[in-house]
Amino acid sequence: MKILVYGAGENCRKVLKKIQEKGEVLCIADKDSEKIGKSVDGYPIVAVEDMNGYDYELIIVSIVEHFNDVKKELVEKGYSENKIIHWKNYINIAPKYIGTMIADWNGGVTANNLYDELCNHVDELSNMEKEFLVGKHNRSFKWLHYFEVYNRHFGKYIGKDVTILEIGVNKGGSLQIWKKVLGPKAKIIGVDITPACKELEEEQISIYIGNQADRNFWKKMKEEIPKVDILIDDGGHYMEQQIVTFEEMFGHVKEDGIYICEDTGSSYNPEKYNSGYKKENTFIEYSKNFVDYIHAWFSREEALQISEYSRSMHSLHYYPGILVIEKHPMFAPFDMEICNNDEEKYAVCHFHGEI
């Protein structure tokens, strides 16, 4: 990840040391004119206005206090609010991820003592990972590498007025983790086919009983619950269940929300799920159509037209065993041809698809 650091003060070196493990620091920016042109640990200090000259993914603010004021100033100067974070939040996202961290396997770590090894690194992990490892909650079963995905896509929702719907309650541990991590404003909704799961309701957590393969159940659900910010399908994992849930509930995710289908590895398990590699009607094969949907703007063939999915799917993120679909209202993409020299000056737009 390419990073710009804002603030060349006393805390800067500490922040640089912390973030170098994960990202590439391009430069340090500061509004103090006496610092411009100097460096910290070899990284050049530039004026705030010069940050736009760098191809960056994140601006990390290294100052200890007044982060909101600095963020407001940067946004007013044209920098993206979504790319500006405080250094503490960046470090808490996880210098090491619980599922991809480098354990000392050569030093004798085995499956039997892996939990202890992970707990030894708990201070290096995100709050979400800490909660799963050592927080107080009911039984929760998660592939460890999923936490890297959650950290990446859920960060913007922490502390916000957010609604999350998870299919597959089991003992309710996962719902309790979302409640703790997302904060007191979060509304947590669980869905399960087992009636006893209803007893796991608590403050902020409501549970509905139904079959996720039943379209009528979803139609009734949509009448009873608001649109959701995050939907996680961690239900039965059978092909019909995953496909029906997507078709019925993708439209009930907010226009800037996230739809997640977990355990997509079930598409490759003929014994249990009647699925298989390249087999028709698996969720993975079904989801490959999504790639066409987001490219429909460029299609010149009758068979591929712009659809509601083209207009609402912003991006697809495939990870081992999990698919994340980020939503955002989409419009016809366009490019620009610009010439601005002494002989010619013009700008021409080329639209692709409907305007």
Protein backbone atom coordinates (compact mmCIF):
# COMPACT_ATOMS: atom_id res chain seq x y z
CA MET A 1 0.00 0.00 0.00
CA LYS A 2 1.35 3.42 -1.00
CA ILE A 3 1.15 5.84 1.92
CA LEU A 4 1.57 9.57 2.52
CA VAL A 5 2.27 10.63 6.10
CA TYR A 6 0.90 13.99 7.27
CA GLY A 7 2.81 15.64 10.10
CA ALA A 8 6.59 15.78 10.52
CA GLY A 9 6.50 16.37 14.27
CA GLU A 10 7.83 14.38 17.22
CA ASN A 11 5.48 11.43 16.68
CA CYS A 12 6.41 11.00 13.03
CA ARG A 13 9.34 8.61 13.54
CA LYS A 14 7.24 6.37 15.76
CA VAL A 15 4.52 6.20 13.14
CA LEU A 16 6.98 5.51 10.34
CA LYS A 17 8.42 2.59 12.26
CA LYS A 18 4.96 1.13 12.81
CA ILE A 19 3.68 1.42 9.25
CA GLN A 20 6.78 0.39 7.31
CA GLU A 21 5.90 -3.29 7.88
CA LYS A 22 2.74 -2.98 5.80
CA GLY A 23 3.13 -0.12 3.38
CA GLU A 24 5.41 1.94 1.19
CA VAL A 25 5.87 5.46 2.53
CA LEU A 26 6.16 7.93 -0.35
CA CYS A 27 6.76 11.15 1.55
CA ILE A 28 5.85 13.23 4.60
CA ALA A 29 3.75 16.38 4.28
CA ASP A 30 3.67 19.31 6.68
CA LYS A 31 2.31 22.85 6.63
CA ASP A 32 5.32 24.25 8.52
CA SER A 33 7.34 26.00 5.80
CA GLU A 34 10.57 25.64 7.82
CA LYS A 35 10.37 21.85 7.51
CA ILE A 36 9.75 21.73 3.77
CA GLY A 37 12.73 20.34 1.87
CA LYS A 38 14.13 18.50 4.89
CA SER A 39 13.61 14.81 5.65
CA VAL A 40 12.74 12.34 8.41
CA ASP A 41 14.53 8.98 8.30
CA GLY A 42 15.26 9.56 4.63
CA TYR A 43 11.70 10.46 3.63
CA PRO A 44 11.32 13.93 2.06
CA ILE A 45 9.09 16.54 3.68
CA VAL A 46 6.87 18.28 1.16
CA ALA A 47 4.19 20.96 1.28
CA VAL A 48 0.61 19.80 1.78
CA GLU A 49 -0.30 21.09 -1.68
CA ASP A 50 2.35 18.85 -3.25
CA MET A 51 0.81 15.58 -1.99
CA ASN A 52 -1.42 15.45 -5.06
CA GLY A 53 1.66 14.79 -7.15
CA TYR A 54 1.98 11.31 -5.64
CA ASP A 55 0.11 8.15 -6.62
CA TYR A 56 -1.06 7.20 -3.12
CA GLU A 57 -3.70 4.97 -1.55
CA LEU A 58 -3.79 6.36 2.00
CA ILE A 59 -2.94 9.48 3.99
CA ILE A 60 -1.96 8.65 7.56
CA VAL A 61 -2.07 11.57 9.99
CA SER A 62 0.78 11.19 12.48
CA ILE A 63 -0.16 14.01 14.85
CA VAL A 64 -1.38 13.00 18.32
CA GLU A 65 -4.30 15.40 18.71
CA HIS A 66 -6.78 17.44 16.63
CA PHE A 67 -7.15 14.76 13.96
CA ASN A 68 -10.66 15.91 12.97
CA ASP A 69 -9.41 19.45 12.37
CA VAL A 70 -6.56 18.20 10.18
CA LYS A 71 -8.89 15.89 8.27
CA LYS A 72 -11.29 18.76 7.61
CA GLU A 73 -8.44 20.93 6.30
CA LEU A 74 -7.24 18.18 3.96
CA VAL A 75 -10.74 17.53 2.64
CA GLU A 76 -11.18 21.25 1.97
CA LYS A 77 -7.96 21.11 -0.06
CA GLY A 78 -9.48 18.38 -2.23
CA TYR A 79 -8.13 15.20 -0.66
CA SER A 80 -10.51 12.23 -0.40
CA GLU A 81 -12.06 11.86 3.07
CA ASN A 82 -12.11 8.07 2.69
CA LYS A 83 -8.33 7.95 2.29
CA ILE A 84 -7.49 9.94 5.43
CA ILE A 85 -7.06 8.04 8.72
CA HIS A 86 -5.40 8.61 12.06
CA TRP A 87 -2.22 6.66 12.71
CA LYS A 88 -3.74 4.82 15.68
CA ASN A 89 -6.60 3.54 13.55
CA TYR A 90 -4.22 2.34 10.88
CA ILE A 91 -2.10 0.43 13.34
CA ASN A 92 -5.20 -1.08 14.97
CA ILE A 93 -6.38 -2.34 11.57
CA ALA A 94 -3.58 -4.88 11.98
CA PRO A 95 0.12 -4.84 11.19
CA LYS A 96 -0.39 -8.61 11.14
CA TYR A 97 -3.62 -10.33 10.26
CA ILE A 98 -4.83 -13.20 12.36
CA GLY A 99 -5.18 -15.49 9.36
CA THR A 100 -2.09 -14.48 7.41
CA MET A 101 0.36 -13.58 10.17
CA ILE A 102 3.75 -15.24 10.05
CA ALA A 103 3.79 -17.74 12.89
CA ASP A 104 7.12 -19.28 13.81
CA TRP A 105 6.31 -22.69 12.40
CA ASN A 106 10.00 -23.65 12.40
CA GLY A 107 10.14 -22.78 16.09
CA GLY A 108 7.74 -25.54 17.04
CA VAL A 109 4.30 -23.96 16.60
CA THR A 110 1.73 -26.70 15.97
CA ALA A 111 -2.02 -26.83 15.57
CA ASN A 112 -2.26 -27.66 19.26
CA ASN A 113 -0.57 -24.48 20.45
CA LEU A 114 -1.52 -22.15 17.59
CA TYR A 115 -4.17 -20.46 19.73
CA ASP A 116 -1.57 -19.59 22.35
CA GLU A 117 0.76 -18.31 19.64
CA LEU A 118 -1.98 -16.07 18.25
CA CYS A 119 -2.80 -14.77 21.73
CA ASN A 120 0.86 -13.89 22.20
CA HIS A 121 0.41 -11.44 19.31
CA VAL A 122 -3.00 -10.15 20.33
CA ASP A 123 -1.77 -6.57 20.86
CA GLU A 124 -0.66 -6.48 17.23
CA LEU A 125 -4.09 -7.43 15.89
CA SER A 126 -7.22 -5.43 15.15
CA ASN A 127 -10.05 -4.99 17.65
CA MET A 128 -12.14 -7.39 15.57
CA GLU A 129 -9.51 -10.09 15.75
CA LYS A 130 -8.94 -9.50 19.46
CA GLU A 131 -12.65 -9.88 20.10
CA PHE A 132 -12.74 -13.20 18.26
CA LEU A 133 -9.67 -14.53 20.07
CA VAL A 134 -10.15 -13.37 23.64
CA GLY A 135 -13.47 -11.50 23.83
CA LYS A 136 -16.46 -12.83 25.74
CA HIS A 137 -18.90 -14.38 23.26
CA ASN A 138 -20.73 -17.59 22.44
CA ARG A 139 -19.36 -20.18 20.01
CA SER A 140 -18.14 -18.62 16.77
CA PHE A 141 -16.57 -20.52 13.87
CA LYS A 142 -14.55 -18.46 11.37
CA TRP A 143 -11.87 -19.11 8.80
CA LEU A 144 -9.02 -16.99 10.13
CA HIS A 145 -8.16 -15.36 6.82
CA TYR A 146 -11.68 -13.88 6.70
CA PHE A 147 -10.61 -11.31 9.28
CA GLU A 148 -8.33 -9.63 6.77
CA VAL A 149 -11.40 -9.27 4.54
CA TYR A 150 -13.52 -7.90 7.38
CA ASN A 151 -10.81 -5.41 8.34
CA ARG A 152 -10.59 -4.20 4.76
CA HIS A 153 -14.30 -3.79 4.07
CA PHE A 154 -15.93 -3.10 7.46
CA GLY A 155 -13.70 -0.31 8.75
CA LYS A 156 -15.93 2.51 7.52
CA TYR A 157 -18.88 1.18 9.53
CA ILE A 158 -17.29 1.03 12.98
CA GLY A 159 -19.04 3.35 15.41
CA LYS A 160 -21.70 4.29 12.86
CA ASP A 161 -25.48 3.83 12.74
CA VAL A 162 -25.24 0.61 10.74
CA THR A 163 -27.49 -2.39 10.10
CA ILE A 164 -25.87 -5.78 9.51
CA LEU A 165 -27.73 -8.95 8.54
CA GLU A 166 -26.01 -12.31 8.96
CA ILE A 167 -27.55 -15.57 7.79
CA GLY A 168 -26.46 -18.46 9.98
CA VAL A 169 -26.74 -17.85 13.72
CA ASN A 170 -25.64 -21.14 15.27
CA LYS A 171 -24.78 -20.20 18.88
CA GLY A 172 -24.83 -16.45 18.21
CA GLY A 173 -21.14 -15.76 18.81
CA SER A 174 -20.58 -14.00 15.53
CA LEU A 175 -23.54 -11.65 16.14
CA GLN A 176 -22.08 -10.77 19.54
CA ILE A 177 -18.72 -10.01 17.93
CA TRP A 178 -20.32 -7.65 15.38
CA LYS A 179 -22.20 -5.92 18.20
CA LYS A 180 -19.01 -5.35 20.19
CA VAL A 181 -16.87 -4.28 17.24
CA LEU A 182 -19.36 -2.09 15.36
CA GLY A 183 -20.51 -0.31 18.51
CA PRO A 184 -23.68 0.72 20.35
CA LYS A 185 -25.33 2.30 17.31
CA ALA A 186 -25.26 -0.93 15.31
CA LYS A 187 -28.40 -2.96 14.66
CA ILE A 188 -27.59 -6.68 14.33
CA ILE A 189 -30.04 -9.03 12.58
CA GLY A 190 -29.57 -12.79 12.47
CA VAL A 191 -31.41 -15.34 10.35
CA ASP A 192 -31.47 -19.08 11.00
CA ILE A 193 -33.68 -22.06 10.20
CA THR A 194 -33.43 -23.43 13.77
CA PRO A 195 -36.24 -22.10 16.04
CA ALA A 196 -34.07 -22.33 19.18
CA CYS A 197 -31.83 -19.55 17.81
CA LYS A 198 -34.59 -17.06 18.63
CA GLU A 199 -33.61 -17.44 22.29
CA LEU A 200 -30.23 -15.87 21.55
CA GLU A 201 -31.70 -12.40 21.06
CA GLU A 202 -30.29 -9.65 23.25
CA GLU A 203 -29.97 -5.89 23.22
CA GLN A 204 -29.13 -4.71 19.67
CA ILE A 205 -29.54 -8.26 18.31
CA SER A 206 -32.78 -9.52 16.74
CA ILE A 207 -33.18 -12.97 15.20
CA TYR A 208 -35.63 -14.19 12.56
CA ILE A 209 -36.40 -17.84 11.91
CA GLY A 210 -36.78 -19.00 8.32
CA ASN A 211 -35.40 -20.96 5.37
CA GLN A 212 -33.02 -18.93 3.23
CA ALA A 213 -34.00 -20.98 0.16
CA ASP A 214 -37.63 -19.84 0.58
CA ARG A 215 -38.30 -16.76 -1.55
CA ASN A 216 -41.54 -16.06 0.33
CA PHE A 217 -39.60 -15.89 3.59
CA TRP A 218 -37.34 -13.20 2.13
CA LYS A 219 -40.26 -11.26 0.72
CA LYS A 220 -41.77 -11.13 4.20
CA MET A 221 -38.40 -10.20 5.75
CA LYS A 222 -38.03 -7.23 3.42
CA GLU A 223 -41.37 -5.92 4.64
CA GLU A 224 -40.24 -6.12 8.26
CA ILE A 225 -36.62 -4.90 8.25
CA PRO A 226 -34.96 -1.79 6.84
CA LYS A 227 -32.41 -1.98 4.07
CA VAL A 228 -29.09 -3.20 5.41
CA ASP A 229 -25.55 -1.86 5.14
CA ILE A 230 -23.89 -5.27 5.30
CA LEU A 231 -25.32 -8.67 4.41
CA ILE A 232 -23.30 -11.79 5.23
CA ASP A 233 -24.52 -15.11 3.85
CA ASP A 234 -22.97 -17.66 6.20
CA GLY A 235 -25.98 -19.95 6.11
CA GLY A 236 -26.35 -23.47 4.76
CA HIS A 237 -23.86 -23.01 1.88
CA TYR A 238 -25.94 -25.09 -0.55
CA MET A 239 -26.13 -23.74 -4.08
CA GLU A 240 -29.86 -23.01 -4.10
CA GLN A 241 -29.62 -21.26 -0.74
CA GLN A 242 -26.80 -18.98 -1.86
CA ILE A 243 -28.38 -18.14 -5.22
CA VAL A 244 -31.90 -17.54 -3.89
CA THR A 245 -30.54 -15.36 -1.08
CA PHE A 246 -28.58 -13.25 -3.54
CA GLU A 247 -31.48 -12.84 -5.94
CA GLU A 248 -33.91 -11.89 -3.19
CA MET A 249 -31.70 -9.79 -0.93
CA PHE A 250 -29.05 -8.05 -3.04
CA GLY A 251 -31.56 -5.31 -3.79
CA HIS A 252 -32.26 -4.93 -0.06
CA VAL A 253 -28.66 -3.92 0.60
CA LYS A 254 -28.25 -0.15 0.62
CA GLU A 255 -26.91 1.46 -2.52
CA ASP A 256 -23.49 1.96 -0.91
CA GLY A 257 -23.54 -1.27 1.11
CA ILE A 258 -21.73 -4.60 1.00
CA TYR A 259 -22.99 -8.07 0.09
CA ILE A 260 -20.86 -11.00 1.26
CA CYS A 261 -21.22 -14.69 0.44
CA GLU A 262 -19.02 -16.80 2.69
CA ASP A 263 -17.76 -20.35 2.33
CA THR A 264 -17.96 -20.32 -1.46
CA GLY A 265 -15.68 -23.32 -1.32
CA SER A 266 -18.92 -25.30 -1.16
CA SER A 267 -19.08 -24.82 -4.94
CA TYR A 268 -16.26 -27.35 -5.22
CA ASN A 269 -17.64 -30.10 -2.98
CA PRO A 270 -19.61 -32.71 -4.99
CA GLU A 271 -20.03 -35.12 -2.07
CA LYS A 272 -21.78 -32.74 0.31
CA TYR A 273 -23.18 -29.95 -1.87
CA ASN A 274 -23.68 -31.69 -5.24
CA SER A 275 -21.33 -29.13 -6.72
CA GLY A 276 -17.98 -29.32 -8.50
CA TYR A 277 -15.37 -27.56 -10.60
CA LYS A 278 -17.04 -25.78 -13.55
CA LYS A 279 -20.31 -27.51 -12.75
CA GLU A 280 -23.41 -25.60 -13.81
CA ASN A 281 -25.57 -23.95 -11.17
CA THR A 282 -22.92 -23.68 -8.48
CA PHE A 283 -22.78 -20.28 -6.81
CA ILE A 284 -19.28 -19.64 -8.14
CA GLU A 285 -20.32 -20.34 -11.73
CA TYR A 286 -23.43 -18.21 -11.16
CA SER A 287 -21.32 -15.37 -9.74
CA LYS A 288 -19.04 -15.34 -12.78
CA ASN A 289 -21.95 -13.61 -14.55
CA PHE A 290 -21.33 -10.66 -12.23
CA VAL A 291 -18.07 -9.99 -14.09
CA ASP A 292 -20.12 -9.58 -17.27
CA TYR A 293 -22.68 -7.37 -15.54
CA ILE A 294 -20.11 -4.78 -14.46
CA HIS A 295 -18.63 -4.76 -17.99
CA ALA A 296 -21.99 -4.46 -19.76
CA TRP A 297 -21.34 -0.76 -20.35
CA PHE A 298 -18.79 -1.77 -22.97
CA SER A 299 -20.83 -4.50 -24.63
CA ARG A 300 -21.82 -4.16 -28.27
CA GLU A 301 -23.81 -7.38 -28.28
CA GLU A 302 -27.51 -7.87 -27.75
CA ALA A 303 -26.85 -10.76 -25.37
CA LEU A 304 -25.20 -8.48 -22.78
CA GLN A 305 -27.16 -5.37 -21.91
CA ILE A 306 -26.90 -2.90 -19.05
CA SER A 307 -28.96 -4.21 -16.12
CA GLU A 308 -29.87 -3.28 -12.56
CA TYR A 309 -26.71 -5.11 -11.50
CA SER A 310 -24.59 -3.03 -13.89
CA ARG A 311 -26.02 0.08 -12.27
CA SER A 312 -25.48 -1.05 -8.68
CA MET A 313 -22.35 -3.26 -8.56
CA HIS A 314 -19.27 -1.16 -8.01
CA SER A 315 -16.69 -3.92 -7.56
CA LEU A 316 -16.21 -7.64 -6.98
CA HIS A 317 -13.62 -8.96 -4.53
CA TYR A 318 -12.92 -12.68 -4.66
CA TYR A 319 -10.94 -14.16 -1.79
CA PRO A 320 -10.37 -17.84 -0.94
CA GLY A 321 -13.81 -19.00 0.16
CA ILE A 322 -15.51 -15.60 0.18
CA LEU A 323 -16.96 -13.10 -2.30
CA VAL A 324 -17.48 -9.44 -1.39
CA ILE A 325 -19.62 -7.25 -3.64
CA GLU A 326 -19.38 -3.53 -2.99
CA LYS A 327 -22.37 -1.52 -4.13
CA HIS A 328 -22.46 2.04 -5.44
CA PRO A 329 -24.71 3.78 -7.99
CA MET A 330 -22.93 3.34 -11.32
CA PHE A 331 -23.26 5.46 -14.45
CA ALA A 332 -21.90 5.26 -17.95
CA PRO A 333 -18.08 5.32 -17.79
CA PHE A 334 -16.34 7.86 -19.98
CA ASP A 335 -12.84 8.80 -20.94
CA MET A 336 -11.48 12.14 -22.05
CA GLU A 337 -9.11 13.15 -24.78
CA ILE A 338 -7.34 16.38 -23.89
CA CYS A 339 -4.81 18.41 -25.79
CA ASN A 340 -3.41 21.56 -24.25
CA ASN A 341 -0.32 22.85 -26.04
CA ASP A 342 0.54 26.01 -27.96
CA GLU A 343 -0.89 24.68 -31.22
CA GLU A 344 -4.08 22.99 -30.01
CA LYS A 345 -6.48 23.19 -27.10
CA TYR A 346 -9.44 20.85 -26.88
CA ALA A 347 -11.20 18.32 -24.67
CA VAL A 348 -13.46 15.55 -25.97
CA CYS A 349 -15.50 13.05 -23.90
CA HIS A 350 -16.24 9.50 -25.03
CA PHE A 351 -19.09 7.77 -23.20
CA HIS A 352 -19.52 4.01 -23.01
CA GLY A 353 -23.06 2.73 -22.68
CA GLU A 354 -26.12 4.75 -21.74
CA ILE A 355 -25.69 8.28 -20.38
